[in-house]
């Protein structure tokens, strides 16, 4: 995989939520409850920054996350 560049957006699963991480711009990172919402927003953020959008597919774990 290519090295991440400044402003690249990565959408990934993180403990039952989906998050968009912006390389070098943590203030632009955000979490979402659905994969689709995270991907849509990640694509829009990358488009606005003129950068790449990458989606990391998560392996299903079968784990149930707390709702608290």
PDB file of N, CA and C in Angstrom:
ATOM      1  N   UNK A   1       0.842  -1.190   0.000  1.00  0.00           N
ATOM      2  CA  UNK A   1       0.000   0.000   0.000  1.00  0.00           C
ATOM      3  C   UNK A   1       0.883   1.248   0.000  1.00  0.00           C
ATOM      4  N   UNK A   2       0.457   2.257  -0.692  1.00  0.00           N
ATOM      5  CA  UNK A   2       1.202   3.504  -0.753  1.00  0.00           C
ATOM      6  C   UNK A   2       1.199   4.191   0.607  1.00  0.00           C
ATOM      7  N   UNK A   3       2.223   4.962   0.845  1.00  0.00           N
ATOM      8  CA  UNK A   3       2.297   5.734   2.085  1.00  0.00           C
ATOM      9  C   UNK A   3       1.188   6.781   2.101  1.00  0.00           C
ATOM     10  N   UNK A   4       0.714   7.069   3.289  1.00  0.00           N
ATOM     11  CA  UNK A   4      -0.322   8.088   3.439  1.00  0.00           C
ATOM     12  C   UNK A   4       0.283   9.469   3.211  1.00  0.00           C
ATOM     13  N   UNK A   5      -0.499  10.316   2.595  1.00  0.00           N
ATOM     14  CA  UNK A   5      -0.089  11.700   2.368  1.00  0.00           C
ATOM     15  C   UNK A   5      -0.937  12.629   3.226  1.00  0.00           C
ATOM     16  N   UNK A   6      -0.417  13.816   3.456  1.00  0.00           N
ATOM     17  CA  UNK A   6      -1.151  14.829   4.212  1.00  0.00           C
ATOM     18  C   UNK A   6      -2.555  14.988   3.642  1.00  0.00           C
ATOM     19  N   UNK A   7      -3.547  15.008   4.505  1.00  0.00           N
ATOM     20  CA  UNK A   7      -4.967  15.184   4.173  1.00  0.00           C
ATOM     21  C   UNK A   7      -5.646  13.945   3.605  1.00  0.00           C
ATOM     22  N   UNK A   8      -4.942  12.811   3.412  1.00  0.00           N
ATOM     23  CA  UNK A   8      -5.619  11.588   2.970  1.00  0.00           C
ATOM     24  C   UNK A   8      -6.614  11.166   4.049  1.00  0.00           C
ATOM     25  N   UNK A   9      -7.767  10.670   3.614  1.00  0.00           N
ATOM     26  CA  UNK A   9      -8.828  10.269   4.531  1.00  0.00           C
ATOM     27  C   UNK A   9      -8.943   8.748   4.497  1.00  0.00           C
ATOM     28  N   UNK A  10      -8.919   8.116   5.678  1.00  0.00           N
ATOM     29  CA  UNK A  10      -9.089   6.672   5.781  1.00  0.00           C
ATOM     30  C   UNK A  10     -10.346   6.382   6.582  1.00  0.00           C
ATOM     31  N   UNK A  11     -11.243   5.583   6.012  1.00  0.00           N
ATOM     32  CA  UNK A  11     -12.447   5.133   6.707  1.00  0.00           C
ATOM     33  C   UNK A  11     -12.175   3.721   7.195  1.00  0.00           C
ATOM     34  N   UNK A  12     -12.369   3.485   8.505  1.00  0.00           N
ATOM     35  CA  UNK A  12     -12.116   2.162   9.074  1.00  0.00           C
ATOM     36  C   UNK A  12     -13.055   1.901  10.237  1.00  0.00           C
ATOM     37  N   UNK A  13     -13.219   0.609  10.536  1.00  0.00           N
ATOM     38  CA  UNK A  13     -14.019   0.214  11.691  1.00  0.00           C
ATOM     39  C   UNK A  13     -13.171   0.324  12.946  1.00  0.00           C
ATOM     40  N   UNK A  14     -13.787   0.809  14.016  1.00  0.00           N
ATOM     41  CA  UNK A  14     -13.075   0.947  15.283  1.00  0.00           C
ATOM     42  C   UNK A  14     -14.033   0.635  16.420  1.00  0.00           C
ATOM     43  N   UNK A  15     -13.929  -0.557  16.968  1.00  0.00           N
ATOM     44  CA  UNK A  15     -14.759  -0.998  18.104  1.00  0.00           C
ATOM     45  C   UNK A  15     -16.251  -0.787  17.879  1.00  0.00           C
ATOM     46  N   UNK A  16     -16.731  -1.218  16.728  1.00  0.00           N
ATOM     47  CA  UNK A  16     -18.158  -1.162  16.467  1.00  0.00           C
ATOM     48  C   UNK A  16     -18.653   0.115  15.832  1.00  0.00           C
ATOM     49  N   UNK A  17     -17.794   1.111  15.735  1.00  0.00           N
ATOM     50  CA  UNK A  17     -18.153   2.347  15.039  1.00  0.00           C
ATOM     51  C   UNK A  17     -17.259   2.486  13.821  1.00  0.00           C
ATOM     52  N   UNK A  18     -17.644   3.351  12.928  1.00  0.00           N
ATOM     53  CA  UNK A  18     -16.819   3.661  11.759  1.00  0.00           C
ATOM     54  C   UNK A  18     -16.243   5.036  11.947  1.00  0.00           C
ATOM     55  N   UNK A  19     -14.964   5.182  11.612  1.00  0.00           N
ATOM     56  CA  UNK A  19     -14.326   6.480  11.787  1.00  0.00           C
ATOM     57  C   UNK A  19     -13.606   6.890  10.516  1.00  0.00           C
ATOM     58  N   UNK A  20     -13.546   8.191  10.316  1.00  0.00           N
ATOM     59  CA  UNK A  20     -12.745   8.782   9.250  1.00  0.00           C
ATOM     60  C   UNK A  20     -11.575   9.468   9.921  1.00  0.00           C
ATOM     61  N   UNK A  21     -10.363   9.050   9.553  1.00  0.00           N
ATOM     62  CA  UNK A  21      -9.148   9.663  10.078  1.00  0.00           C
ATOM     63  C   UNK A  21      -8.491  10.445   8.946  1.00  0.00           C
ATOM     64  N   UNK A  22      -8.174  11.712   9.208  1.00  0.00           N
ATOM     65  CA  UNK A  22      -7.545  12.569   8.212  1.00  0.00           C
ATOM     66  C   UNK A  22      -6.070  12.696   8.579  1.00  0.00           C
ATOM     67  N   UNK A  23      -5.200  12.220   7.693  1.00  0.00           N
ATOM     68  CA  UNK A  23      -3.757  12.220   7.942  1.00  0.00           C
ATOM     69  C   UNK A  23      -3.254  13.646   8.187  1.00  0.00           C
ATOM     70  N   UNK A  24      -2.632  13.849   9.352  1.00  0.00           N
ATOM     71  CA  UNK A  24      -2.072  15.157   9.685  1.00  0.00           C
ATOM     72  C   UNK A  24      -3.089  16.195  10.117  1.00  0.00           C
ATOM     73  N   UNK A  25      -4.374  15.822  10.164  1.00  0.00           N
ATOM     74  CA  UNK A  25      -5.434  16.782  10.542  1.00  0.00           C
ATOM     75  C   UNK A  25      -6.418  16.122  11.515  1.00  0.00           C
ATOM     76  N   UNK A  26      -5.969  15.773  12.713  1.00  0.00           N
ATOM     77  CA  UNK A  26      -6.855  15.051  13.645  1.00  0.00           C
ATOM     78  C   UNK A  26      -8.138  15.804  13.978  1.00  0.00           C
ATOM     79  N   UNK A  27      -8.119  17.122  13.860  1.00  0.00           N
ATOM     80  CA  UNK A  27      -9.333  17.897  14.162  1.00  0.00           C
ATOM     81  C   UNK A  27     -10.441  17.652  13.149  1.00  0.00           C
ATOM     82  N   UNK A  28     -10.108  17.090  11.987  1.00  0.00           N
ATOM     83  CA  UNK A  28     -11.121  16.799  10.966  1.00  0.00           C
ATOM     84  C   UNK A  28     -11.633  15.360  11.042  1.00  0.00           C
ATOM     85  N   UNK A  29     -11.065  14.557  11.927  1.00  0.00           N
ATOM     86  CA  UNK A  29     -11.497  13.167  12.063  1.00  0.00           C
ATOM     87  C   UNK A  29     -12.872  13.104  12.718  1.00  0.00           C
ATOM     88  N   UNK A  30     -13.652  12.062  12.370  1.00  0.00           N
ATOM     89  CA  UNK A  30     -15.011  11.948  12.903  1.00  0.00           C
ATOM     90  C   UNK A  30     -15.429  10.488  12.975  1.00  0.00           C
ATOM     91  N   UNK A  31     -16.405  10.179  13.842  1.00  0.00           N
ATOM     92  CA  UNK A  31     -16.941   8.830  13.990  1.00  0.00           C
ATOM     93  C   UNK A  31     -18.397   8.779  13.542  1.00  0.00           C
ATOM     94  N   UNK A  32     -18.790   7.602  13.052  1.00  0.00           N
ATOM     95  CA  UNK A  32     -20.142   7.404  12.530  1.00  0.00           C
ATOM     96  C   UNK A  32     -20.655   6.040  12.976  1.00  0.00           C
ATOM     97  N   UNK A  33     -21.975   5.900  13.059  1.00  0.00           N
ATOM     98  CA  UNK A  33     -22.545   4.621  13.469  1.00  0.00           C
ATOM     99  C   UNK A  33     -22.688   3.652  12.306  1.00  0.00           C
ATOM    100  N   UNK A  34     -22.702   4.155  11.072  1.00  0.00           N
ATOM    101  CA  UNK A  34     -22.847   3.250   9.924  1.00  0.00           C
ATOM    102  C   UNK A  34     -21.688   3.390   8.959  1.00  0.00           C
ATOM    103  N   UNK A  35     -21.340   2.289   8.321  1.00  0.00           N
ATOM    104  CA  UNK A  35     -20.260   2.260   7.341  1.00  0.00           C
ATOM    105  C   UNK A  35     -20.572   3.189   6.165  1.00  0.00           C
ATOM    106  N   UNK A  36     -21.826   3.135   5.688  1.00  0.00           N
ATOM    107  CA  UNK A  36     -22.222   3.936   4.527  1.00  0.00           C
ATOM    108  C   UNK A  36     -22.080   5.430   4.804  1.00  0.00           C
ATOM    109  N   UNK A  37     -22.524   5.855   5.983  1.00  0.00           N
ATOM    110  CA  UNK A  37     -22.424   7.272   6.341  1.00  0.00           C
ATOM    111  C   UNK A  37     -20.961   7.702   6.419  1.00  0.00           C
ATOM    112  N   UNK A  38     -20.130   6.850   7.013  1.00  0.00           N
ATOM    113  CA  UNK A  38     -18.707   7.176   7.138  1.00  0.00           C
ATOM    114  C   UNK A  38     -18.043   7.271   5.769  1.00  0.00           C
ATOM    115  N   UNK A  39     -18.380   6.339   4.871  1.00  0.00           N
ATOM    116  CA  UNK A  39     -17.791   6.354   3.527  1.00  0.00           C
ATOM    117  C   UNK A  39     -18.235   7.599   2.761  1.00  0.00           C
ATOM    118  N   UNK A  40     -19.525   7.914   2.821  1.00  0.00           N
ATOM    119  CA  UNK A  40     -20.028   9.106   2.128  1.00  0.00           C
ATOM    120  C   UNK A  40     -19.327  10.365   2.631  1.00  0.00           C
ATOM    121  N   UNK A  41     -19.215  10.492   3.951  1.00  0.00           N
ATOM    122  CA  UNK A  41     -18.590  11.688   4.524  1.00  0.00           C
ATOM    123  C   UNK A  41     -17.087  11.694   4.260  1.00  0.00           C
ATOM    124  N   UNK A  42     -16.464  10.531   4.315  1.00  0.00           N
ATOM    125  CA  UNK A  42     -15.031  10.446   4.034  1.00  0.00           C
ATOM    126  C   UNK A  42     -14.711  10.860   2.610  1.00  0.00           C
ATOM    127  N   UNK A  43     -15.555  10.415   1.676  1.00  0.00           N
ATOM    128  CA  UNK A  43     -15.366  10.784   0.259  1.00  0.00           C
ATOM    129  C   UNK A  43     -15.523  12.300   0.093  1.00  0.00           C
ATOM    130  N   UNK A  44     -16.533  12.865   0.737  1.00  0.00           N
ATOM    131  CA  UNK A  44     -16.778  14.305   0.632  1.00  0.00           C
ATOM    132  C   UNK A  44     -15.621  15.099   1.248  1.00  0.00           C
ATOM    133  N   UNK A  45     -15.114  14.626   2.383  1.00  0.00           N
ATOM    134  CA  UNK A  45     -13.987  15.315   3.024  1.00  0.00           C
ATOM    135  C   UNK A  45     -12.757  15.271   2.128  1.00  0.00           C
ATOM    136  N   UNK A  46     -12.454  14.095   1.575  1.00  0.00           N
ATOM    137  CA  UNK A  46     -11.290  13.955   0.684  1.00  0.00           C
ATOM    138  C   UNK A  46     -11.447  14.834  -0.555  1.00  0.00           C
ATOM    139  N   UNK A  47     -12.650  14.868  -1.127  1.00  0.00           N
ATOM    140  CA  UNK A  47     -12.899  15.720  -2.294  1.00  0.00           C
ATOM    141  C   UNK A  47     -12.638  17.183  -1.947  1.00  0.00           C
ATOM    142  N   UNK A  48     -13.116  17.612  -0.790  1.00  0.00           N
ATOM    143  CA  UNK A  48     -12.938  18.994  -0.367  1.00  0.00           C
ATOM    144  C   UNK A  48     -11.481  19.355  -0.118  1.00  0.00           C
ATOM    145  N   UNK A  49     -10.693  18.364   0.309  1.00  0.00           N
ATOM    146  CA  UNK A  49      -9.274  18.603   0.590  1.00  0.00           C
ATOM    147  C   UNK A  49      -8.386  18.320  -0.620  1.00  0.00           C
ATOM    148  N   UNK A  50      -8.974  17.760  -1.675  1.00  0.00           N
ATOM    149  CA  UNK A  50      -8.194  17.395  -2.851  1.00  0.00           C
ATOM    150  C   UNK A  50      -7.250  16.236  -2.580  1.00  0.00           C
ATOM    151  N   UNK A  51      -7.688  15.298  -1.745  1.00  0.00           N
ATOM    152  CA  UNK A  51      -6.828  14.181  -1.353  1.00  0.00           C
ATOM    153  C   UNK A  51      -7.498  12.845  -1.660  1.00  0.00           C
ATOM    154  N   UNK A  52      -6.824  11.758  -1.273  1.00  0.00           N
ATOM    155  CA  UNK A  52      -7.351  10.405  -1.514  1.00  0.00           C
ATOM    156  C   UNK A  52      -8.274   9.974  -0.380  1.00  0.00           C
ATOM    157  N   UNK A  53      -9.215   9.078  -0.720  1.00  0.00           N
ATOM    158  CA  UNK A  53     -10.080   8.458   0.279  1.00  0.00           C
ATOM    159  C   UNK A  53      -9.855   6.957   0.206  1.00  0.00           C
ATOM    160  N   UNK A  54      -9.485   6.354   1.318  1.00  0.00           N
ATOM    161  CA  UNK A  54      -9.222   4.918   1.397  1.00  0.00           C
ATOM    162  C   UNK A  54     -10.205   4.296   2.381  1.00  0.00           C
ATOM    163  N   UNK A  55     -10.708   3.102   2.038  1.00  0.00           N
ATOM    164  CA  UNK A  55     -11.612   2.383   2.938  1.00  0.00           C
ATOM    165  C   UNK A  55     -10.945   1.080   3.336  1.00  0.00           C
ATOM    166  N   UNK A  56     -10.769   0.878   4.634  1.00  0.00           N
ATOM    167  CA  UNK A  56     -10.220  -0.367   5.154  1.00  0.00           C
ATOM    168  C   UNK A  56     -11.383  -1.254   5.549  1.00  0.00           C
ATOM    169  N   UNK A  57     -11.529  -2.382   4.846  1.00  0.00           N
ATOM    170  CA  UNK A  57     -12.597  -3.317   5.192  1.00  0.00           C
ATOM    171  C   UNK A  57     -12.234  -4.063   6.464  1.00  0.00           C
ATOM    172  N   UNK A  58     -13.190  -4.166   7.373  1.00  0.00           N
ATOM    173  CA  UNK A  58     -12.967  -4.836   8.646  1.00  0.00           C
ATOM    174  C   UNK A  58     -13.428  -6.285   8.555  1.00  0.00           C
ATOM    175  N   UNK A  59     -12.705  -7.134   9.237  1.00  0.00           N
ATOM    176  CA  UNK A  59     -13.123  -8.523   9.333  1.00  0.00           C
ATOM    177  C   UNK A  59     -14.229  -8.618  10.382  1.00  0.00           C
ATOM    178  N   UNK A  60     -15.300  -9.371  10.077  1.00  0.00           N
ATOM    179  CA  UNK A  60     -16.346  -9.533  11.098  1.00  0.00           C
ATOM    180  C   UNK A  60     -15.793 -10.294  12.300  1.00  0.00           C
ATOM    181  N   UNK A  61     -16.054  -9.798  13.493  1.00  0.00           N
ATOM    182  CA  UNK A  61     -15.511 -10.430  14.688  1.00  0.00           C
ATOM    183  C   UNK A  61     -16.557 -11.272  15.395  1.00  0.00           C
ATOM    184  N   UNK A  62     -17.823 -10.996  15.152  1.00  0.00           N
ATOM    185  CA  UNK A  62     -18.874 -11.700  15.893  1.00  0.00           C
ATOM    186  C   UNK A  62     -19.065 -11.140  17.293  1.00  0.00           C
ATOM    187  N   UNK A  63     -18.297 -10.135  17.645  1.00  0.00           N
ATOM    188  CA  UNK A  63     -18.383  -9.556  18.991  1.00  0.00           C
ATOM    189  C   UNK A  63     -19.552  -8.579  19.067  1.00  0.00           C
ATOM    190  N   UNK A  64     -20.164  -8.543  20.219  1.00  0.00           N
ATOM    191  CA  UNK A  64     -21.250  -7.604  20.480  1.00  0.00           C
ATOM    192  C   UNK A  64     -20.662  -6.447  21.274  1.00  0.00           C
ATOM    193  N   UNK A  65     -20.898  -5.235  20.813  1.00  0.00           N
ATOM    194  CA  UNK A  65     -20.348  -4.075  21.521  1.00  0.00           C
ATOM    195  C   UNK A  65     -21.368  -3.531  22.503  1.00  0.00           C
ATOM    196  N   UNK A  66     -20.877  -2.912  23.567  1.00  0.00           N
ATOM    197  CA  UNK A  66     -21.747  -2.303  24.570  1.00  0.00           C
ATOM    198  C   UNK A  66     -22.480  -1.114  23.968  1.00  0.00           C
ATOM    199  N   UNK A  67     -23.708  -0.928  24.389  1.00  0.00           N
ATOM    200  CA  UNK A  67     -24.514   0.211  23.935  1.00  0.00           C
ATOM    201  C   UNK A  67     -24.354   1.409  24.871  1.00  0.00           C
ATOM    202  N   UNK A  68     -23.647   1.223  25.982  1.00  0.00           N
ATOM    203  CA  UNK A  68     -23.510   2.290  26.991  1.00  0.00           C
ATOM    204  C   UNK A  68     -22.787   3.478  26.457  1.00  0.00           C
TER     205      UNK A  68
END
